[in-house]
């Protein structure tokens, strides 16, 4: 990642992985340890130092593993988040639900000139971050890149691949594409918490049905476009999503997703 005008000073790390103690964070730390360039300076961050040290100790035997930094930062403590952000050129966040744990990280990144990447699948939260930080981020040359996780990339690439091939084979242009995803494993704790929070928020559910939610405001259609919401029944596809929550709460939901 190239330095921006606001990142001309040297930073201690190239990448800090925030949320490293979570399910996806642990997998990401392992992937970085196995695949990162030997000279890449990176660190893992979270609110529990003991857990971070355990994760570091379990990293694969790779030349970069022993030099991985450990940083304590808590989303409820803005000063600790600011201190973390100031030490790196890029923050990679796997700390979800993102509206709870990564909002202060985005704020700090924009203020302090640090690039930000996450794996969120929360369009309503992304919209909020765009509205709050887009103009300042553009002025400072800060990149805020959300939705780099499973539920976003396959959909984006799948639609792009399908639309291109339909046009190539028939000359026609796709007007609407509906995709279906089959899951063979349960969601992480962060994903489950995000899902439940959206289901409890009527305004968020309404926004999720807007296909133009993340478009620039000036390019959004003036008339309401009718589209299926994020959760719909289909006679062709059925999903059974089992969520196991930490408080011994087990939910079995039969869902059909039209994305």
Protein backbone atom coordinates (compact mmCIF):
# COMPACT_ATOMS: atom_id res chain seq x y z
CA UNK A 1 0.00 0.00 0.00
CA UNK A 2 1.45 3.32 -1.05
CA UNK A 3 1.73 6.14 1.42
CA UNK A 4 -0.81 8.96 1.15
CA UNK A 5 -0.02 12.60 1.82
CA UNK A 6 -1.05 12.01 5.42
CA UNK A 7 1.08 8.91 5.81
CA UNK A 8 4.46 10.26 4.79
CA UNK A 9 5.83 9.50 8.24
CA UNK A 10 7.13 6.03 8.92
CA UNK A 11 4.74 3.67 10.66
CA UNK A 12 5.84 0.81 12.88
CA UNK A 13 3.67 -1.74 11.07
CA UNK A 14 2.38 -2.21 7.56
CA UNK A 15 -0.73 -4.08 8.76
CA UNK A 16 -2.49 -4.51 12.09
CA UNK A 17 -5.15 -7.22 12.32
CA UNK A 18 -7.81 -5.94 14.72
CA UNK A 19 -10.16 -8.55 16.18
CA UNK A 20 -7.55 -11.29 16.02
CA UNK A 21 -9.05 -13.26 18.93
CA UNK A 22 -12.33 -13.90 17.12
CA UNK A 23 -13.08 -16.88 14.88
CA UNK A 24 -12.33 -15.12 11.59
CA UNK A 25 -9.50 -13.16 13.16
CA UNK A 26 -7.68 -16.34 14.17
CA UNK A 27 -8.03 -17.75 10.66
CA UNK A 28 -6.75 -14.50 9.18
CA UNK A 29 -3.75 -14.42 11.52
CA UNK A 30 -2.89 -17.98 10.49
CA UNK A 31 -3.19 -17.07 6.82
CA UNK A 32 -0.94 -14.04 7.21
CA UNK A 33 1.64 -16.09 9.09
CA UNK A 34 1.71 -18.65 6.28
CA UNK A 35 1.55 -16.30 3.29
CA UNK A 36 2.78 -12.83 4.21
CA UNK A 37 6.13 -11.68 2.76
CA UNK A 38 8.99 -12.41 5.13
CA UNK A 39 9.77 -8.73 5.55
CA UNK A 40 6.16 -7.64 6.21
CA UNK A 41 5.82 -6.02 9.61
CA UNK A 42 2.42 -6.84 11.04
CA UNK A 43 0.69 -7.21 14.36
CA UNK A 44 -2.41 -8.71 15.93
CA UNK A 45 -4.68 -6.60 18.10
CA UNK A 46 -7.63 -7.05 20.43
CA UNK A 47 -8.76 -6.33 23.96
CA UNK A 48 -7.36 -9.44 25.69
CA UNK A 49 -3.56 -9.63 25.80
CA UNK A 50 -3.47 -13.19 27.13
CA UNK A 51 -5.58 -14.48 24.26
CA UNK A 52 -3.49 -12.55 21.76
CA UNK A 53 -0.32 -14.10 23.14
CA UNK A 54 -1.87 -17.59 22.84
CA UNK A 55 -2.81 -16.92 19.22
CA UNK A 56 0.70 -15.70 18.45
CA UNK A 57 2.19 -18.81 20.07
CA UNK A 58 0.05 -21.04 17.85
CA UNK A 59 0.97 -19.30 14.59
CA UNK A 60 2.57 -21.59 11.97
CA UNK A 61 6.33 -21.84 11.92
CA UNK A 62 7.09 -19.06 9.46
CA UNK A 63 9.97 -16.56 9.33
CA UNK A 64 7.60 -13.65 10.01
CA UNK A 65 5.77 -15.26 12.96
CA UNK A 66 8.26 -14.51 15.78
CA UNK A 67 8.25 -10.80 14.95
CA UNK A 68 4.46 -10.42 14.95
CA UNK A 69 3.47 -7.63 17.32
CA UNK A 70 0.79 -7.86 20.00
CA UNK A 71 -1.31 -4.76 20.66
CA UNK A 72 -4.07 -4.30 23.22
CA UNK A 73 -6.89 -2.11 21.93
CA UNK A 74 -10.53 -1.95 23.00
CA UNK A 75 -13.37 -0.45 20.94
CA UNK A 76 -14.80 1.01 24.12
CA UNK A 77 -11.56 2.93 24.71
CA UNK A 78 -11.04 5.44 21.89
CA UNK A 79 -7.56 6.39 23.12
CA UNK A 80 -6.39 2.79 22.80
CA UNK A 81 -7.89 2.59 19.29
CA UNK A 82 -6.17 5.84 18.27
CA UNK A 83 -2.85 4.58 19.63
CA UNK A 84 -3.20 1.37 17.62
CA UNK A 85 -4.19 3.14 14.40
CA UNK A 86 -1.24 5.54 14.62
CA UNK A 87 1.21 2.64 14.54
CA UNK A 88 0.20 1.18 11.17
CA UNK A 89 -0.41 2.01 7.53
CA UNK A 90 -3.38 -0.37 7.23
CA UNK A 91 -5.91 -1.70 9.75
CA UNK A 92 -7.57 -4.97 8.80
CA UNK A 93 -10.65 -5.43 10.99
CA UNK A 94 -12.43 -8.72 11.60
CA UNK A 95 -14.18 -7.39 14.72
CA UNK A 96 -17.91 -7.76 14.29
CA UNK A 97 -20.66 -6.85 14.67
CA UNK A 98 -18.96 -3.93 12.99
CA UNK A 99 -21.51 -1.33 14.00
CA UNK A 100 -20.55 -2.12 17.60
CA UNK A 101 -16.81 -2.74 17.45
CA UNK A 102 -15.38 -1.14 14.31
CA UNK A 103 -17.11 2.26 14.19
CA UNK A 104 -14.43 3.89 16.40
CA UNK A 105 -11.73 2.22 14.27
CA UNK A 106 -13.02 3.78 11.05
CA UNK A 107 -13.28 7.14 12.79
CA UNK A 108 -9.66 6.92 13.99
CA UNK A 109 -8.38 5.77 10.59
CA UNK A 110 -9.93 8.75 8.82
CA UNK A 111 -8.70 11.23 11.42
CA UNK A 112 -5.18 9.82 11.59
CA UNK A 113 -4.60 8.99 7.91
CA UNK A 114 -4.59 5.19 8.05
CA UNK A 115 -6.14 2.90 5.44
CA UNK A 116 -8.91 0.56 6.63
CA UNK A 117 -10.19 -2.82 5.34
CA UNK A 118 -12.86 -5.07 6.84
CA UNK A 119 -15.03 -8.14 6.17
CA UNK A 120 -18.37 -6.70 7.22
CA UNK A 121 -21.61 -7.80 5.63
CA UNK A 122 -23.58 -4.93 7.19
CA UNK A 123 -24.76 -2.63 4.35
CA UNK A 124 -26.63 -0.32 6.71
CA UNK A 125 -23.47 0.27 8.73
CA UNK A 126 -21.40 0.80 5.57
CA UNK A 127 -23.92 3.43 4.44
CA UNK A 128 -23.56 5.20 7.78
CA UNK A 129 -19.77 5.20 7.56
CA UNK A 130 -19.92 6.59 4.01
CA UNK A 131 -22.20 9.42 5.10
CA UNK A 132 -20.04 10.27 8.09
CA UNK A 133 -16.53 9.92 6.67
CA UNK A 134 -16.45 9.87 2.86
CA UNK A 135 -15.65 13.53 2.24
CA UNK A 136 -12.86 13.71 4.82
CA UNK A 137 -11.38 10.39 3.67
CA UNK A 138 -11.24 11.64 0.07
CA UNK A 139 -9.53 14.87 1.12
CA UNK A 140 -6.90 12.94 3.11
CA UNK A 141 -6.41 10.16 0.56
CA UNK A 142 -7.51 7.51 3.05
CA UNK A 143 -8.95 4.27 1.65
CA UNK A 144 -11.91 2.76 3.52
CA UNK A 145 -12.64 -0.64 1.97
CA UNK A 146 -15.50 -2.65 3.46
CA UNK A 147 -17.23 -5.93 2.59
CA UNK A 148 -14.16 -8.04 1.76
CA UNK A 149 -15.64 -11.17 3.30
CA UNK A 150 -17.45 -14.29 2.14
CA UNK A 151 -20.95 -12.87 1.93
CA UNK A 152 -19.81 -10.03 -0.33
CA UNK A 153 -17.05 -11.22 -2.65
CA UNK A 154 -18.77 -14.36 -4.05
CA UNK A 155 -21.90 -12.33 -4.75
CA UNK A 156 -20.01 -9.50 -6.46
CA UNK A 157 -17.75 -11.76 -8.50
CA UNK A 158 -20.59 -14.17 -9.27
CA UNK A 159 -22.82 -11.41 -10.64
CA UNK A 160 -19.93 -9.92 -12.60
CA UNK A 161 -19.00 -13.31 -14.10
CA UNK A 162 -22.60 -14.19 -14.98
CA UNK A 163 -23.43 -10.80 -16.52
CA UNK A 164 -20.26 -10.81 -18.62
CA UNK A 165 -20.88 -14.33 -19.91
CA UNK A 166 -24.54 -13.71 -20.70
CA UNK A 167 -23.55 -10.66 -22.71
CA UNK A 168 -20.71 -12.55 -24.41
CA UNK A 169 -22.87 -15.53 -25.36
CA UNK A 170 -26.11 -13.77 -26.28
CA UNK A 171 -25.40 -10.07 -26.57
CA UNK A 172 -28.10 -9.46 -23.96
CA UNK A 173 -27.75 -7.42 -20.79
CA UNK A 174 -28.90 -8.77 -17.43
CA UNK A 175 -31.52 -6.59 -15.84
CA UNK A 176 -31.75 -8.50 -12.58
CA UNK A 177 -29.79 -11.37 -11.03
CA UNK A 178 -30.87 -13.47 -8.06
CA UNK A 179 -28.29 -15.70 -6.41
CA UNK A 180 -28.63 -18.45 -3.82
CA UNK A 181 -26.03 -19.57 -1.32
CA UNK A 182 -25.90 -22.90 0.47
CA UNK A 183 -24.05 -23.05 3.77
CA UNK A 184 -22.51 -26.24 5.11
CA UNK A 185 -21.30 -24.74 8.37
CA UNK A 186 -22.69 -22.41 11.00
CA UNK A 187 -21.99 -18.68 11.22
CA UNK A 188 -19.39 -17.16 13.49
CA UNK A 189 -20.49 -15.44 16.68
CA UNK A 190 -20.11 -12.00 15.10
CA UNK A 191 -22.20 -12.97 12.07
CA UNK A 192 -24.94 -14.42 14.27
CA UNK A 193 -25.04 -11.27 16.44
CA UNK A 194 -25.20 -9.07 13.33
CA UNK A 195 -28.07 -11.09 11.88
CA UNK A 196 -30.10 -10.88 15.07
CA UNK A 197 -29.52 -7.13 15.43
CA UNK A 198 -30.79 -6.49 11.89
CA UNK A 199 -33.87 -8.63 12.48
CA UNK A 200 -34.68 -6.54 15.57
CA UNK A 201 -34.26 -3.20 13.74
CA UNK A 202 -37.22 -2.37 11.48
CA UNK A 203 -35.42 0.55 9.82
CA UNK A 204 -32.38 -1.62 9.08
CA UNK A 205 -34.56 -4.35 7.53
CA UNK A 206 -36.16 -1.75 5.28
CA UNK A 207 -32.77 -0.43 4.18
CA UNK A 208 -31.56 -3.95 3.43
CA UNK A 209 -34.27 -4.21 0.77
CA UNK A 210 -32.88 -1.19 -1.11
CA UNK A 211 -30.56 -2.39 -3.92
CA UNK A 212 -29.19 1.15 -4.28
CA UNK A 213 -28.34 1.60 -0.61
CA UNK A 214 -24.58 1.93 -1.19
CA UNK A 215 -24.82 3.95 -4.41
CA UNK A 216 -23.69 7.59 -4.22
CA UNK A 217 -26.69 9.63 -3.06
CA UNK A 218 -26.79 11.65 -6.28
CA UNK A 219 -27.04 8.49 -8.40
CA UNK A 220 -29.83 6.83 -6.46
CA UNK A 221 -33.23 6.71 -8.23
CA UNK A 222 -35.76 9.26 -7.03
CA UNK A 223 -38.56 6.69 -7.07
CA UNK A 224 -38.63 3.71 -4.75
CA UNK A 225 -37.49 0.55 -6.55
CA UNK A 226 -39.35 -2.57 -5.49
CA UNK A 227 -36.99 -5.41 -4.70
CA UNK A 228 -37.20 -8.43 -2.42
CA UNK A 229 -35.86 -7.90 1.06
CA UNK A 230 -32.76 -9.71 2.33
CA UNK A 231 -34.78 -12.67 3.67
CA UNK A 232 -37.45 -14.24 1.48
CA UNK A 233 -39.17 -17.57 1.06
CA UNK A 234 -38.49 -19.60 -2.05
CA UNK A 235 -40.11 -22.92 -2.90
CA UNK A 236 -36.95 -23.94 -4.73
CA UNK A 237 -34.35 -23.24 -2.07
CA UNK A 238 -34.52 -23.85 1.65
CA UNK A 239 -31.93 -23.06 4.27
CA UNK A 240 -31.68 -24.24 7.82
CA UNK A 241 -29.42 -21.92 9.75
CA UNK A 242 -28.52 -23.07 13.25
CA UNK A 243 -27.14 -20.40 15.54
CA UNK A 244 -25.49 -21.39 18.79
CA UNK A 245 -25.09 -18.40 21.09
CA UNK A 246 -22.77 -18.08 24.06
CA UNK A 247 -25.58 -17.82 26.64
CA UNK A 248 -26.66 -21.41 25.90
CA UNK A 249 -29.26 -20.00 23.53
CA UNK A 250 -29.94 -22.15 20.50
CA UNK A 251 -32.04 -20.90 17.60
CA UNK A 252 -33.17 -22.94 14.64
CA UNK A 253 -34.29 -20.78 11.77
CA UNK A 254 -35.55 -22.01 8.41
CA UNK A 255 -34.51 -19.36 5.99
CA UNK A 256 -34.44 -18.84 2.27
CA UNK A 257 -32.04 -16.14 1.19
CA UNK A 258 -32.57 -14.13 -1.96
CA UNK A 259 -29.44 -12.00 -2.31
